Amino acid sequence: MFWLTRDRLTIYPWIIFIGYLITMIVLHVMAFNQAANGLMPMETDFNTFYAVSNLLDQRSAADAYDGAILHGYERAAMGQAFGGSLTPLQIESVRLFPWNYPPVFLLIMPLFNAVPYVWSLFLWGGLTFIPFVIAARLVVPDKVSTGLALAHPSIFINAMFGQNGFLTGGLFGLGLIALHRRPVLAGILIGLLCYKPQFGIFIPLALAAGGHWRAFMAAAVTVGLLVLASFFAFGPEPWAAFFSRAEVMRSMMESGGTEWTLMPTAFVASRMVGISVAVAYGVQAFLTIAVAVVVIKAWRIPSDGAEVRYLQSALLIIGSFLGTPFAYSYDMPVLALALLWLGFDMHRHGWRPWEGWTVAAAIALPIAAPWLAKVAAVQAGPLILGALFLCAIGRLRQTVDRPS
């Protein structure tokens, strides 16, 4: 890849990012024009956030997990998004996007409808974008890192969905960056990730294996305080409703009711090729256990040098996607940080051809994997992530074996 000069690595990613911004503006203008012409309005996940915010003003928090009740609020929120210009038929066409988050995430929902819908959407995207940009700037000691992270396709996807991938990436990334110098802060940031419990499978294992007990305890205390705060704010009913809803979502995930094309997990990949539910869970369990073993062994390596820490962090992030059956392409801004850690090591020590192609595939994954899943009914996400995981393992071994 001799053509990837430093000047091009500095300029091209920002051109791509600006292209994302222009495309988003064009698509939203088109959506408003289509709605004005009586067509179906563009739906995003943010609409559910705003709907839940409205719901909390009028009903019990447990009702957020009741699809029939939430659906009415989502239709009303979509009407607010388009300034009340939608027809009854357009409002009726708005689909249900269920609320699947634990009640700790409800704690910030009342903030969403404090301002009008469009302003809330921009503020949500902008404010959660800040910690992600900070993480991207600090992830490696190189100024090109920010632009490279922002050029990852998941940035565009998350922004279009109005999802929380920026927040997840910022908290996860900053937590790992702060781990060695400010372990308590790192633990707090990691604990705040508890609204995405599926990404917390390996974090406690990594922290314990690495002897990061101050961060471990800070994370545990943060999670405990957030759970207590949710009980104090909303009572126990939302937690009961959340676990009941989780059973419904499990059934939907097993049968394809959760947009399999957007889910780059081993379970989904198995189900898409016709493997039974039981065997698909077996495949996912085997992979989860294998990744857990690797993460524990990797994080037990003394991490005095920055290069070891970078690769341990990359392994943990990539492994977090491999280890869960429930992840979406809009969750992948944090994967951009893992790619930066890997890329930094490759830049310093060179790479083999298959590693370069693997990184290229991982960059394209948020767009290419859903497209392939739609046209060929094959979910390539876990294959790409698995190759990237093997790449990180190999580079960590090389780093450990390299003479100091």
Protein backbone atom coordinates (compact mmCIF):
# COMPACT_ATOMS: atom_id res chain seq x y z
CA MET A 1 0.00 0.00 0.00
CA PHE A 2 2.77 2.39 -1.03
CA TRP A 3 0.22 4.91 -2.29
CA LEU A 4 -0.97 5.55 1.30
CA THR A 5 1.40 8.42 2.00
CA ARG A 6 1.11 10.44 5.19
CA ASP A 7 -0.35 13.41 3.33
CA ARG A 8 -3.07 11.21 1.88
CA LEU A 9 -3.79 9.61 5.26
CA THR A 10 -4.21 13.11 6.62
CA ILE A 11 -6.44 14.53 3.89
CA TYR A 12 -8.50 11.66 2.43
CA PRO A 13 -10.26 10.64 5.69
CA TRP A 14 -11.51 14.17 6.21
CA ILE A 15 -12.81 14.24 2.63
CA ILE A 16 -14.70 11.02 3.36
CA PHE A 17 -16.07 12.43 6.62
CA ILE A 18 -17.25 15.60 4.88
CA GLY A 19 -18.87 13.33 2.29
CA TYR A 20 -20.75 11.62 5.11
CA LEU A 21 -22.04 14.98 6.36
CA ILE A 22 -23.17 16.07 2.90
CA THR A 23 -24.87 12.72 2.28
CA MET A 24 -26.71 12.90 5.60
CA ILE A 25 -27.98 16.40 4.82
CA VAL A 26 -29.14 15.33 1.36
CA LEU A 27 -30.90 12.22 2.69
CA HIS A 28 -32.71 14.17 5.40
CA VAL A 29 -33.83 16.83 2.93
CA MET A 30 -35.07 14.07 0.63
CA ALA A 31 -36.90 12.47 3.56
CA PHE A 32 -38.73 15.69 4.37
CA ASN A 33 -39.65 16.17 0.70
CA GLN A 34 -40.93 12.61 0.44
CA ALA A 35 -43.00 13.03 3.59
CA ALA A 36 -44.41 16.28 2.22
CA ASN A 37 -45.52 14.34 -0.88
CA GLY A 38 -47.39 11.79 1.23
CA LEU A 39 -44.77 9.03 1.22
CA MET A 40 -43.64 7.10 4.28
CA PRO A 41 -41.44 9.24 6.58
CA MET A 42 -37.85 8.18 7.28
CA GLU A 43 -37.67 6.30 10.57
CA THR A 44 -34.64 6.25 12.86
CA ASP A 45 -33.82 4.71 16.23
CA PHE A 46 -33.65 8.19 17.70
CA ASN A 47 -37.40 8.41 17.30
CA THR A 48 -37.71 5.73 19.99
CA PHE A 49 -35.47 7.71 22.36
CA TYR A 50 -37.66 10.80 21.94
CA ALA A 51 -40.84 8.74 22.26
CA VAL A 52 -39.64 7.19 25.53
CA SER A 53 -38.82 10.68 26.81
CA ASN A 54 -42.41 11.73 26.12
CA LEU A 55 -43.74 8.51 27.66
CA LEU A 56 -41.88 9.11 30.92
CA ASP A 57 -43.71 12.43 31.30
CA GLN A 58 -47.07 10.70 31.35
CA ARG A 59 -46.74 7.04 32.27
CA SER A 60 -44.80 4.52 34.31
CA ALA A 61 -41.27 3.74 33.12
CA ALA A 62 -42.27 0.07 32.84
CA ASP A 63 -44.62 1.03 29.99
CA ALA A 64 -41.58 1.74 27.80
CA TYR A 65 -41.21 -2.05 27.49
CA ASP A 66 -44.83 -2.47 26.40
CA GLY A 67 -44.79 -2.42 22.60
CA ALA A 68 -48.45 -1.51 22.22
CA ILE A 69 -48.08 1.55 24.45
CA LEU A 70 -44.69 2.60 23.10
CA HIS A 71 -45.87 2.36 19.51
CA GLY A 72 -48.40 5.12 20.08
CA TYR A 73 -45.71 7.40 21.48
CA GLU A 74 -43.39 6.60 18.58
CA ARG A 75 -46.08 7.61 16.11
CA ALA A 76 -46.65 10.84 18.00
CA ALA A 77 -42.90 11.53 18.12
CA MET A 78 -42.63 11.03 14.36
CA GLY A 79 -45.37 13.60 13.96
CA GLN A 80 -43.31 15.99 16.07
CA ALA A 81 -40.23 15.27 13.94
CA PHE A 82 -42.03 16.50 10.83
CA GLY A 83 -43.65 19.49 12.51
CA GLY A 84 -47.13 18.02 12.60
CA SER A 85 -47.32 17.87 8.78
CA LEU A 86 -47.80 14.09 8.47
CA THR A 87 -51.17 12.70 7.47
CA PRO A 88 -53.00 10.14 9.64
CA LEU A 89 -52.06 7.45 7.09
CA GLN A 90 -48.37 8.36 7.35
CA ILE A 91 -48.55 8.32 11.14
CA GLU A 92 -50.23 4.93 11.01
CA SER A 93 -47.39 3.57 8.83
CA VAL A 94 -44.71 4.25 11.47
CA ARG A 95 -43.25 0.92 12.61
CA LEU A 96 -42.62 -0.15 16.20
CA PHE A 97 -39.01 0.05 17.34
CA PRO A 98 -39.06 -1.71 20.73
CA TRP A 99 -37.22 -0.44 23.80
CA ASN A 100 -34.63 -3.06 24.77
CA TYR A 101 -32.27 -1.15 27.05
CA PRO A 102 -31.96 -1.78 30.80
CA PRO A 103 -33.63 0.81 33.04
CA VAL A 104 -30.29 2.55 33.75
CA PHE A 105 -30.54 4.07 30.26
CA LEU A 106 -33.93 5.50 31.15
CA LEU A 107 -32.16 7.84 33.59
CA ILE A 108 -31.09 10.18 30.79
CA MET A 109 -34.24 9.87 28.67
CA PRO A 110 -36.11 12.81 30.33
CA LEU A 111 -33.50 15.14 28.81
CA PHE A 112 -34.46 14.32 25.24
CA ASN A 113 -37.81 16.13 25.04
CA ALA A 114 -36.52 19.16 26.93
CA VAL A 115 -36.06 20.73 23.47
CA PRO A 116 -37.93 20.25 20.16
CA TYR A 117 -37.33 17.01 18.25
CA VAL A 118 -34.89 18.26 15.60
CA TRP A 119 -32.80 20.16 18.14
CA SER A 120 -32.76 17.11 20.37
CA LEU A 121 -31.53 14.95 17.50
CA PHE A 122 -28.67 17.34 16.73
CA LEU A 123 -27.74 17.73 20.40
CA TRP A 124 -27.76 13.99 20.99
CA GLY A 125 -25.53 13.36 18.00
CA GLY A 126 -23.24 16.29 18.76
CA LEU A 127 -22.80 15.76 22.49
CA THR A 128 -22.14 12.03 22.19
CA PHE A 129 -19.78 12.70 19.27
CA ILE A 130 -17.48 14.74 21.54
CA PRO A 131 -16.20 11.87 23.75
CA PHE A 132 -15.72 9.71 20.68
CA VAL A 133 -13.63 12.37 18.95
CA ILE A 134 -11.56 12.83 22.11
CA ALA A 135 -10.97 9.08 22.27
CA ALA A 136 -10.01 9.02 18.59
CA ARG A 137 -7.51 11.82 19.16
CA LEU A 138 -5.93 10.15 22.19
CA VAL A 139 -6.02 6.53 21.05
CA VAL A 140 -2.53 6.68 19.51
CA PRO A 141 0.13 9.42 19.56
CA ASP A 142 -0.49 10.52 16.01
CA LYS A 143 -2.60 13.43 14.78
CA VAL A 144 -3.94 11.48 11.80
CA SER A 145 -5.87 9.19 14.14
CA THR A 146 -8.90 11.48 14.44
CA GLY A 147 -9.54 11.69 10.72
CA LEU A 148 -9.00 7.97 10.23
CA ALA A 149 -11.54 7.15 12.94
CA LEU A 150 -14.12 9.56 11.54
CA ALA A 151 -13.80 8.02 8.06
CA HIS A 152 -14.98 4.62 9.31
CA PRO A 153 -18.40 3.85 7.75
CA SER A 154 -19.94 3.14 11.16
CA ILE A 155 -19.74 6.88 11.84
CA PHE A 156 -22.17 7.54 9.01
CA ILE A 157 -24.42 4.61 9.96
CA ASN A 158 -24.65 5.58 13.63
CA ALA A 159 -25.37 9.21 12.77
CA MET A 160 -28.13 8.22 10.33
CA PHE A 161 -29.75 5.93 12.90
CA GLY A 162 -29.41 8.53 15.65
CA GLN A 163 -28.07 5.68 17.78
CA ASN A 164 -25.69 5.58 20.77
CA GLY A 165 -22.63 4.15 19.02
CA PHE A 166 -20.68 7.40 19.55
CA LEU A 167 -21.37 7.25 23.27
CA THR A 168 -20.42 3.57 23.45
CA GLY A 169 -17.22 4.17 21.51
CA GLY A 170 -16.28 7.21 23.58
CA LEU A 171 -16.84 5.54 26.93
CA PHE A 172 -15.17 2.26 25.93
CA GLY A 173 -12.23 3.97 24.25
CA LEU A 174 -11.59 6.58 26.92
CA GLY A 175 -11.92 3.93 29.62
CA LEU A 176 -9.18 1.85 28.02
CA ILE A 177 -7.01 4.90 27.36
CA ALA A 178 -7.25 6.05 31.00
CA LEU A 179 -6.80 2.58 32.49
CA HIS A 180 -3.12 2.77 33.41
CA ARG A 181 -2.82 6.41 34.46
CA ARG A 182 -6.25 7.03 35.97
CA PRO A 183 -7.74 3.65 36.88
CA VAL A 184 -10.64 5.01 38.92
CA LEU A 185 -11.74 7.30 36.09
CA ALA A 186 -11.35 4.38 33.70
CA GLY A 187 -13.56 2.22 35.89
CA ILE A 188 -16.25 4.90 36.05
CA LEU A 189 -16.26 5.30 32.26
CA ILE A 190 -16.42 1.54 31.77
CA GLY A 191 -19.18 1.25 34.38
CA LEU A 192 -21.25 3.80 32.47
CA LEU A 193 -21.34 1.30 29.60
CA CYS A 194 -23.80 -0.86 31.54
CA TYR A 195 -26.64 0.32 29.28
CA LYS A 196 -25.01 -2.06 26.74
CA PRO A 197 -24.59 -5.18 28.92
CA GLN A 198 -23.82 -7.38 25.90
CA PHE A 199 -20.48 -5.56 25.53
CA GLY A 200 -19.52 -6.14 29.15
CA ILE A 201 -18.92 -9.89 28.89
CA PHE A 202 -15.12 -9.73 28.75
CA ILE A 203 -14.35 -6.40 30.42
CA PRO A 204 -14.40 -7.79 34.00
CA LEU A 205 -12.28 -10.74 32.87
CA ALA A 206 -9.72 -8.45 31.26
CA LEU A 207 -9.51 -6.11 34.24
CA ALA A 208 -9.13 -9.01 36.67
CA ALA A 209 -6.57 -10.80 34.50
CA GLY A 210 -4.51 -7.63 34.22
CA GLY A 211 -4.70 -6.89 37.94
CA HIS A 212 -6.55 -3.62 37.37
CA TRP A 213 -8.47 -3.94 40.61
CA ARG A 214 -9.02 -0.23 41.23
CA ALA A 215 -10.67 0.10 37.84
CA PHE A 216 -12.59 -3.14 38.43
CA MET A 217 -14.01 -1.86 41.72
CA ALA A 218 -14.76 1.60 40.31
CA ALA A 219 -16.68 0.00 37.45
CA ALA A 220 -18.60 -2.28 39.80
CA VAL A 221 -19.51 0.61 42.10
CA THR A 222 -20.59 2.73 39.13
CA VAL A 223 -22.87 -0.02 37.84
CA GLY A 224 -24.28 -0.58 41.31
CA LEU A 225 -25.02 3.11 41.81
CA LEU A 226 -26.72 3.38 38.43
CA VAL A 227 -28.90 0.36 39.19
CA LEU A 228 -29.82 1.83 42.57
CA ALA A 229 -30.56 5.18 40.95
CA SER A 230 -32.90 3.48 38.48
CA PHE A 231 -34.71 1.73 41.34
CA PHE A 232 -35.00 5.02 43.21
CA ALA A 233 -36.23 6.91 40.14
CA PHE A 234 -38.58 4.33 38.64
CA GLY A 235 -39.09 1.51 41.14
CA PRO A 236 -38.55 -2.23 40.49
CA GLU A 237 -41.24 -2.59 37.81
CA PRO A 238 -39.05 -1.49 34.86
CA TRP A 239 -36.49 -4.16 35.72
CA ALA A 240 -39.13 -6.86 35.70
CA ALA A 241 -40.42 -5.50 32.40
CA PHE A 242 -36.87 -5.37 31.00
CA PHE A 243 -36.21 -9.04 31.74
CA SER A 244 -39.58 -10.01 30.28
CA ARG A 245 -38.78 -7.96 27.19
CA ALA A 246 -35.38 -9.67 26.93
CA GLU A 247 -37.16 -13.00 26.53
CA VAL A 248 -39.25 -11.55 23.71
CA MET A 249 -36.13 -10.15 22.02
CA ARG A 250 -34.38 -13.51 22.37
CA SER A 251 -37.24 -15.16 20.53
CA MET A 252 -37.20 -12.44 17.85
CA MET A 253 -33.44 -12.78 17.40
CA GLU A 254 -33.78 -16.53 16.98
CA SER A 255 -36.44 -16.18 14.28
CA GLY A 256 -34.97 -13.25 12.32
CA GLY A 257 -37.13 -10.47 13.71
CA THR A 258 -34.14 -8.31 14.65
CA GLU A 259 -32.71 -7.29 11.24
CA TRP A 260 -30.19 -10.10 10.86
CA THR A 261 -28.52 -8.28 7.97
CA LEU A 262 -27.30 -5.60 10.41
CA MET A 263 -26.04 -8.04 13.06
CA PRO A 264 -22.43 -9.25 12.51
CA THR A 265 -22.52 -12.05 15.09
CA ALA A 266 -21.75 -15.76 14.96
CA PHE A 267 -25.25 -16.69 16.14
CA VAL A 268 -26.90 -14.70 13.37
CA ALA A 269 -24.43 -15.94 10.75
CA SER A 270 -25.27 -19.52 11.76
CA ARG A 271 -29.02 -18.94 11.62
CA MET A 272 -28.80 -17.25 8.21
CA VAL A 273 -27.34 -20.40 6.64
CA GLY A 274 -30.09 -22.57 8.10
CA ILE A 275 -28.42 -23.90 11.23
CA SER A 276 -30.87 -24.70 14.03
CA VAL A 277 -31.30 -22.42 17.02
CA ALA A 278 -29.71 -24.92 19.41
CA VAL A 279 -26.64 -25.47 17.24
CA ALA A 280 -26.31 -21.74 16.56
CA TYR A 281 -26.22 -21.12 20.31
CA GLY A 282 -23.60 -23.85 20.55
CA VAL A 283 -21.46 -22.13 17.91
CA GLN A 284 -21.83 -18.81 19.70
CA ALA A 285 -21.03 -20.35 23.10
CA PHE A 286 -17.90 -22.07 21.76
CA LEU A 287 -16.69 -18.81 20.21
CA THR A 288 -17.48 -16.83 23.36
CA ILE A 289 -15.53 -19.24 25.57
CA ALA A 290 -12.60 -19.31 23.13
CA VAL A 291 -12.46 -15.50 23.03
CA ALA A 292 -12.70 -15.33 26.83
CA VAL A 293 -9.69 -17.63 27.18
CA VAL A 294 -7.67 -15.56 24.71
CA VAL A 295 -8.62 -12.25 26.37
CA ILE A 296 -7.64 -13.56 29.81
CA LYS A 297 -4.30 -14.84 28.55
CA ALA A 298 -3.61 -11.65 26.61
CA TRP A 299 -4.44 -9.36 29.52
CA ARG A 300 -2.25 -11.37 31.89
CA ILE A 301 0.77 -10.23 29.85
CA PRO A 302 2.59 -7.39 31.67
CA SER A 303 1.56 -4.18 29.94
CA ASP A 304 4.43 -1.86 30.78
CA GLY A 305 4.85 -0.83 27.15
CA ALA A 306 2.31 1.15 25.14
CA GLU A 307 2.41 -1.30 22.23
CA VAL A 308 1.24 -4.19 24.41
CA ARG A 309 -1.56 -2.04 25.86
CA TYR A 310 -2.71 -1.01 22.39
CA LEU A 311 -2.99 -4.60 21.21
CA GLN A 312 -4.65 -5.78 24.44
CA SER A 313 -7.25 -3.04 24.03
CA ALA A 314 -7.81 -3.92 20.37
CA LEU A 315 -8.29 -7.59 21.31
CA LEU A 316 -10.84 -6.70 23.96
CA ILE A 317 -12.91 -4.54 21.61
CA ILE A 318 -12.87 -7.02 18.74
CA GLY A 319 -13.56 -9.88 21.14
CA SER A 320 -16.55 -8.01 22.56
CA PHE A 321 -18.23 -8.20 19.15
CA LEU A 322 -17.31 -11.85 18.66
CA GLY A 323 -18.52 -12.84 22.11
CA THR A 324 -22.09 -11.58 21.93
CA PRO A 325 -24.99 -12.83 19.79
CA PHE A 326 -26.56 -9.35 19.88
CA ALA A 327 -24.70 -6.50 18.17
CA TYR A 328 -25.45 -4.13 15.31
CA SER A 329 -23.42 -2.30 12.70
CA TYR A 330 -24.21 1.04 14.37
CA ASP A 331 -22.33 -0.19 17.46
CA MET A 332 -19.08 -0.21 15.50
CA PRO A 333 -17.57 3.26 15.97
CA VAL A 334 -15.58 1.65 18.80
CA LEU A 335 -14.20 -0.83 16.27
CA ALA A 336 -12.57 2.13 14.52
CA LEU A 337 -10.49 2.67 17.66
CA ALA A 338 -9.37 -0.97 17.65
CA LEU A 339 -8.35 -0.58 14.00
CA LEU A 340 -6.28 2.47 14.93
CA TRP A 341 -4.42 0.50 17.60
CA LEU A 342 -3.75 -2.29 15.12
CA GLY A 343 -2.86 0.13 12.35
CA PHE A 344 -0.37 1.93 14.58
CA ASP A 345 1.42 -1.36 15.26
CA MET A 346 1.40 -2.24 11.56
CA HIS A 347 2.77 1.17 10.64
CA ARG A 348 5.68 0.76 13.04
CA HIS A 349 6.55 -2.86 12.33
CA GLY A 350 5.10 -3.64 8.91
CA TRP A 351 2.35 -6.05 7.96
CA ARG A 352 1.77 -9.17 5.96
CA PRO A 353 -0.54 -8.94 2.91
CA TRP A 354 -3.38 -10.87 4.55
CA GLU A 355 -3.32 -8.45 7.50
CA GLY A 356 -3.75 -5.48 5.19
CA TRP A 357 -6.70 -7.13 3.46
CA THR A 358 -8.22 -8.04 6.82
CA VAL A 359 -8.04 -4.44 8.03
CA ALA A 360 -9.52 -3.25 4.73
CA ALA A 361 -12.41 -5.71 5.15
CA ALA A 362 -12.96 -4.54 8.73
CA ILE A 363 -13.12 -0.95 7.54
CA ALA A 364 -15.77 -1.87 4.98
CA LEU A 365 -17.61 -4.25 7.33
CA PRO A 366 -20.44 -1.93 8.55
CA ILE A 367 -21.59 -1.39 4.96
CA ALA A 368 -20.31 -4.45 3.10
CA ALA A 369 -21.58 -7.11 5.53
CA PRO A 370 -25.23 -5.90 5.52
CA TRP A 371 -25.14 -5.61 1.73
CA LEU A 372 -23.77 -9.15 1.35
CA ALA A 373 -26.33 -10.44 3.84
CA LYS A 374 -29.13 -8.93 1.77
CA VAL A 375 -27.98 -10.11 -1.65
CA ALA A 376 -26.50 -13.50 -0.72
CA ALA A 377 -28.09 -14.31 2.67
CA VAL A 378 -24.62 -14.70 4.18
CA GLN A 379 -23.49 -12.74 7.25
CA ALA A 380 -19.73 -12.25 6.80
CA GLY A 381 -19.31 -10.04 9.87
CA PRO A 382 -18.02 -12.70 12.31
CA LEU A 383 -15.61 -14.08 9.69
CA ILE A 384 -14.06 -10.65 9.21
CA LEU A 385 -13.99 -9.97 12.95
CA GLY A 386 -12.50 -13.41 13.57
CA ALA A 387 -9.70 -12.73 11.08
CA LEU A 388 -9.09 -9.35 12.71
CA PHE A 389 -8.97 -11.04 16.13
CA LEU A 390 -6.37 -13.51 14.87
CA CYS A 391 -4.41 -10.60 13.45
CA ALA A 392 -4.38 -8.89 16.85
CA ILE A 393 -3.31 -12.13 18.57
CA GLY A 394 -0.43 -12.59 16.16
CA ARG A 395 0.78 -9.04 16.53
CA LEU A 396 0.60 -9.25 20.31
CA ARG A 397 2.75 -12.39 20.23
CA GLN A 398 5.26 -10.65 17.97
CA THR A 399 5.38 -7.66 20.30
CA VAL A 400 5.98 -9.84 23.35
CA ASP A 401 8.69 -11.85 21.57
CA ARG A 402 10.37 -8.79 20.08
CA PRO A 403 13.65 -7.89 21.80
CA SER A 404 13.25 -4.73 23.88
